[in-house]
Each structure stands twice: as structure tokens, then as C-alpha cells.
Amino acid sequence: MMLDTYTVQDLYILKRITDEQLDAAVTDFLNDPKPGPRPLAEGVAIDVCAIMAADPHAQGILAARHSSEAEMHAVVKTAILLAPVE
């Protein structure tokens, strides 16, 4: 697979990022939503706050009082998976 720009999902499919690493990134963000790069996997860091700021749907789910933990986890995970990796 030769892509100019990889997404987190591409790296996940290539098994460079594990379920555990992805879930840890989601939990870390939900527990402490501070800006700045966070390590995701060896050689890969992402700014989850920037990813979330670029996703209006995800922002809406996180802002809604009625959103469950599962919904919030799923929307953050999806936003991370769709994010480009630099």
C-alpha cells in the first residue's frame, strides 16, 4: 500500500496500531482533553483535540448532555481513525 497521506485507519489496517493503543488514546482524551500531540504508536503522535475540533459531528456528540460513554467513545474513536497521520 503506497499512499501519500495515511490515515490512522490505514495504519490500523496495516497493524501498526493496535486496538489497545487506539482505545488508550480515546480514553486518555476523554479523561483529559488537553491540546497537543499524544503518542499513539511507535513513531506516531496525534493531536486528538485538533482532530475533534475539525469534526463538527463529534463535537456535537461530546457536547450533548444525553450522550452515553459508549457514544462518546465511539465518536472519538471514529474521528481518530479518519484523521490523517503526518
N, C-alpha and C. Protein backbone atom coordinates (compact mmCIF):
# COMPACT_ATOMS: atom_id res chain seq x y z
N MET A 1 0.85 -1.18 0.00
CA MET A 1 0.00 0.00 0.00
C MET A 1 0.89 1.24 0.00
N MET A 2 0.81 2.04 -1.04
CA MET A 2 1.59 3.27 -1.14
C MET A 2 0.62 4.45 -1.20
N LEU A 3 0.57 5.19 -0.14
CA LEU A 3 -0.29 6.37 -0.09
C LEU A 3 0.56 7.58 0.24
N ASP A 4 0.18 8.74 -0.30
CA ASP A 4 0.88 9.97 0.05
C ASP A 4 0.54 10.37 1.48
N THR A 5 -0.71 10.19 1.84
CA THR A 5 -1.16 10.54 3.18
C THR A 5 -1.89 9.34 3.77
N TYR A 6 -1.38 8.86 4.89
CA TYR A 6 -2.03 7.77 5.60
C TYR A 6 -3.02 8.35 6.60
N THR A 7 -4.08 7.59 6.85
CA THR A 7 -4.96 7.92 7.97
C THR A 7 -4.59 6.96 9.10
N VAL A 8 -5.08 7.24 10.27
CA VAL A 8 -4.87 6.33 11.40
C VAL A 8 -5.46 4.96 11.04
N GLN A 9 -6.60 4.96 10.36
CA GLN A 9 -7.21 3.69 9.96
C GLN A 9 -6.29 2.89 9.04
N ASP A 10 -5.59 3.55 8.12
CA ASP A 10 -4.64 2.84 7.26
C ASP A 10 -3.58 2.14 8.10
N LEU A 11 -3.06 2.85 9.08
CA LEU A 11 -2.03 2.26 9.94
C LEU A 11 -2.62 1.13 10.80
N TYR A 12 -3.87 1.29 11.20
CA TYR A 12 -4.56 0.24 11.96
C TYR A 12 -4.71 -1.01 11.09
N ILE A 13 -5.13 -0.83 9.85
CA ILE A 13 -5.29 -1.97 8.93
C ILE A 13 -3.94 -2.65 8.68
N LEU A 14 -2.88 -1.85 8.61
CA LEU A 14 -1.53 -2.39 8.41
C LEU A 14 -0.94 -2.98 9.70
N LYS A 15 -1.72 -2.93 10.77
CA LYS A 15 -1.34 -3.47 12.09
C LYS A 15 -0.15 -2.72 12.72
N ARG A 16 -0.02 -1.43 12.36
CA ARG A 16 0.99 -0.59 13.01
C ARG A 16 0.41 0.05 14.27
N ILE A 17 -0.93 -0.01 14.39
CA ILE A 17 -1.63 0.49 15.57
C ILE A 17 -2.58 -0.60 16.02
N THR A 18 -2.56 -0.89 17.32
CA THR A 18 -3.39 -1.96 17.86
C THR A 18 -4.70 -1.41 18.43
N ASP A 19 -5.64 -2.32 18.67
CA ASP A 19 -6.89 -1.94 19.35
C ASP A 19 -6.60 -1.29 20.69
N GLU A 20 -5.65 -1.87 21.41
CA GLU A 20 -5.31 -1.36 22.74
C GLU A 20 -4.79 0.07 22.66
N GLN A 21 -3.91 0.34 21.69
CA GLN A 21 -3.36 1.69 21.54
C GLN A 21 -4.46 2.69 21.16
N LEU A 22 -5.34 2.27 20.28
CA LEU A 22 -6.44 3.13 19.85
C LEU A 22 -7.39 3.42 21.01
N ASP A 23 -7.77 2.38 21.74
CA ASP A 23 -8.67 2.57 22.88
C ASP A 23 -8.01 3.41 23.97
N ALA A 24 -6.71 3.24 24.18
CA ALA A 24 -5.99 4.04 25.17
C ALA A 24 -5.99 5.52 24.77
N ALA A 25 -5.84 5.81 23.49
CA ALA A 25 -5.86 7.20 23.02
C ALA A 25 -7.23 7.83 23.25
N VAL A 26 -8.28 7.06 22.99
CA VAL A 26 -9.65 7.55 23.20
C VAL A 26 -9.88 7.82 24.68
N THR A 27 -9.56 6.87 25.52
CA THR A 27 -9.76 7.01 26.96
C THR A 27 -8.95 8.17 27.52
N ASP A 28 -7.69 8.29 27.07
CA ASP A 28 -6.82 9.38 27.52
C ASP A 28 -7.44 10.73 27.17
N PHE A 29 -7.95 10.86 25.96
CA PHE A 29 -8.58 12.12 25.55
C PHE A 29 -9.84 12.40 26.37
N LEU A 30 -10.70 11.41 26.53
CA LEU A 30 -11.95 11.62 27.27
C LEU A 30 -11.68 11.96 28.73
N ASN A 31 -10.62 11.42 29.31
CA ASN A 31 -10.28 11.71 30.70
C ASN A 31 -9.58 13.04 30.88
N ASP A 32 -8.84 13.49 29.83
CA ASP A 32 -8.05 14.71 29.93
C ASP A 32 -7.91 15.34 28.55
N PRO A 33 -8.94 16.08 28.10
CA PRO A 33 -8.95 16.61 26.74
C PRO A 33 -8.04 17.84 26.56
N LYS A 34 -6.75 17.65 26.73
CA LYS A 34 -5.81 18.76 26.57
C LYS A 34 -5.24 18.75 25.14
N PRO A 35 -4.95 19.94 24.60
CA PRO A 35 -4.39 20.00 23.24
C PRO A 35 -2.94 19.55 23.19
N GLY A 36 -2.51 19.27 21.99
CA GLY A 36 -1.11 18.89 21.77
C GLY A 36 -0.98 17.44 21.35
N PRO A 37 0.15 17.12 20.73
CA PRO A 37 0.36 15.75 20.26
C PRO A 37 0.46 14.75 21.41
N ARG A 38 -0.12 13.61 21.18
CA ARG A 38 -0.04 12.50 22.14
C ARG A 38 0.45 11.28 21.39
N PRO A 39 1.31 10.51 22.01
CA PRO A 39 1.79 9.29 21.33
C PRO A 39 0.65 8.31 21.14
N LEU A 40 0.61 7.71 19.94
CA LEU A 40 -0.41 6.70 19.64
C LEU A 40 0.26 5.34 19.48
N ALA A 41 1.33 5.32 18.72
CA ALA A 41 2.11 4.10 18.50
C ALA A 41 3.54 4.54 18.24
N GLU A 42 4.43 3.61 18.14
CA GLU A 42 5.83 3.96 17.89
C GLU A 42 5.94 4.80 16.62
N GLY A 43 6.47 6.01 16.79
CA GLY A 43 6.65 6.90 15.66
C GLY A 43 5.40 7.62 15.19
N VAL A 44 4.30 7.47 15.92
CA VAL A 44 3.03 8.10 15.53
C VAL A 44 2.47 8.87 16.73
N ALA A 45 2.26 10.18 16.52
CA ALA A 45 1.62 11.01 17.53
C ALA A 45 0.47 11.74 16.86
N ILE A 46 -0.60 11.95 17.60
CA ILE A 46 -1.77 12.66 17.07
C ILE A 46 -2.23 13.70 18.08
N ASP A 47 -2.84 14.76 17.58
CA ASP A 47 -3.44 15.79 18.44
C ASP A 47 -4.94 15.56 18.41
N VAL A 48 -5.43 14.84 19.40
CA VAL A 48 -6.85 14.48 19.41
C VAL A 48 -7.74 15.72 19.53
N CYS A 49 -7.28 16.73 20.24
CA CYS A 49 -8.08 17.97 20.34
C CYS A 49 -8.25 18.60 18.96
N ALA A 50 -7.20 18.64 18.18
CA ALA A 50 -7.29 19.21 16.82
C ALA A 50 -8.19 18.34 15.94
N ILE A 51 -8.09 17.04 16.09
CA ILE A 51 -8.94 16.12 15.32
C ILE A 51 -10.40 16.38 15.67
N MET A 52 -10.69 16.51 16.94
CA MET A 52 -12.07 16.73 17.37
C MET A 52 -12.56 18.12 16.94
N ALA A 53 -11.70 19.12 16.97
CA ALA A 53 -12.08 20.47 16.56
C ALA A 53 -12.47 20.52 15.08
N ALA A 54 -11.92 19.61 14.29
CA ALA A 54 -12.20 19.56 12.85
C ALA A 54 -13.41 18.69 12.51
N ASP A 55 -14.07 18.14 13.52
CA ASP A 55 -15.18 17.22 13.30
C ASP A 55 -16.44 17.72 14.01
N PRO A 56 -17.28 18.51 13.31
CA PRO A 56 -18.48 19.08 13.96
C PRO A 56 -19.43 18.02 14.53
N HIS A 57 -19.57 16.88 13.85
CA HIS A 57 -20.44 15.82 14.36
C HIS A 57 -19.93 15.32 15.71
N ALA A 58 -18.64 15.06 15.79
CA ALA A 58 -18.05 14.58 17.04
C ALA A 58 -18.21 15.62 18.14
N GLN A 59 -18.02 16.89 17.80
CA GLN A 59 -18.19 17.95 18.80
C GLN A 59 -19.61 17.94 19.36
N GLY A 60 -20.59 17.74 18.48
CA GLY A 60 -21.98 17.72 18.91
C GLY A 60 -22.27 16.57 19.86
N ILE A 61 -21.73 15.40 19.56
CA ILE A 61 -21.94 14.23 20.43
C ILE A 61 -21.30 14.48 21.80
N LEU A 62 -20.09 15.02 21.81
CA LEU A 62 -19.42 15.27 23.09
C LEU A 62 -20.11 16.36 23.89
N ALA A 63 -20.72 17.33 23.23
CA ALA A 63 -21.37 18.44 23.92
C ALA A 63 -22.76 18.08 24.44
N ALA A 64 -23.38 17.08 23.84
CA ALA A 64 -24.75 16.72 24.22
C ALA A 64 -24.77 16.06 25.60
N ARG A 65 -25.62 16.55 26.46
CA ARG A 65 -25.71 16.00 27.82
C ARG A 65 -26.20 14.57 27.85
N HIS A 66 -26.99 14.20 26.85
CA HIS A 66 -27.60 12.86 26.85
C HIS A 66 -26.70 11.79 26.21
N SER A 67 -25.53 12.16 25.72
CA SER A 67 -24.63 11.18 25.09
C SER A 67 -24.09 10.21 26.14
N SER A 68 -24.13 8.93 25.81
CA SER A 68 -23.60 7.93 26.73
C SER A 68 -22.08 7.84 26.58
N GLU A 69 -21.44 7.19 27.55
CA GLU A 69 -19.99 6.97 27.45
C GLU A 69 -19.65 6.20 26.19
N ALA A 70 -20.48 5.21 25.86
CA ALA A 70 -20.23 4.39 24.67
C ALA A 70 -20.30 5.24 23.40
N GLU A 71 -21.30 6.15 23.34
CA GLU A 71 -21.42 7.04 22.17
C GLU A 71 -20.21 7.96 22.06
N MET A 72 -19.79 8.51 23.19
CA MET A 72 -18.63 9.41 23.17
C MET A 72 -17.37 8.65 22.77
N HIS A 73 -17.19 7.47 23.31
CA HIS A 73 -16.03 6.65 22.96
C HIS A 73 -16.03 6.35 21.46
N ALA A 74 -17.18 5.97 20.93
CA ALA A 74 -17.29 5.60 19.52
C ALA A 74 -17.00 6.79 18.61
N VAL A 75 -17.51 7.96 18.94
CA VAL A 75 -17.31 9.12 18.06
C VAL A 75 -15.86 9.59 18.09
N VAL A 76 -15.22 9.53 19.24
CA VAL A 76 -13.80 9.91 19.32
C VAL A 76 -12.95 8.89 18.55
N LYS A 77 -13.25 7.62 18.73
CA LYS A 77 -12.50 6.56 18.03
C LYS A 77 -12.65 6.72 16.51
N THR A 78 -13.86 6.97 16.04
CA THR A 78 -14.09 7.15 14.60
C THR A 78 -13.33 8.37 14.08
N ALA A 79 -13.38 9.47 14.80
CA ALA A 79 -12.66 10.68 14.38
C ALA A 79 -11.16 10.41 14.30
N ILE A 80 -10.63 9.69 15.27
CA ILE A 80 -9.20 9.37 15.26
C ILE A 80 -8.88 8.48 14.06
N LEU A 81 -9.68 7.46 13.82
CA LEU A 81 -9.42 6.56 12.69
C LEU A 81 -9.41 7.29 11.35
N LEU A 82 -10.26 8.28 11.20
CA LEU A 82 -10.35 9.02 9.93
C LEU A 82 -9.30 10.12 9.79
N ALA A 83 -8.58 10.41 10.85
CA ALA A 83 -7.61 11.50 10.83
C ALA A 83 -6.35 11.15 10.02
N PRO A 84 -5.83 12.12 9.28
CA PRO A 84 -4.57 11.89 8.57
C PRO A 84 -3.41 11.84 9.56
N VAL A 85 -2.39 11.09 9.19
CA VAL A 85 -1.17 10.99 10.01
C VAL A 85 -0.07 11.72 9.25
N GLU A 86 0.62 12.60 9.94
CA GLU A 86 1.69 13.36 9.29
C GLU A 86 3.02 12.67 9.44
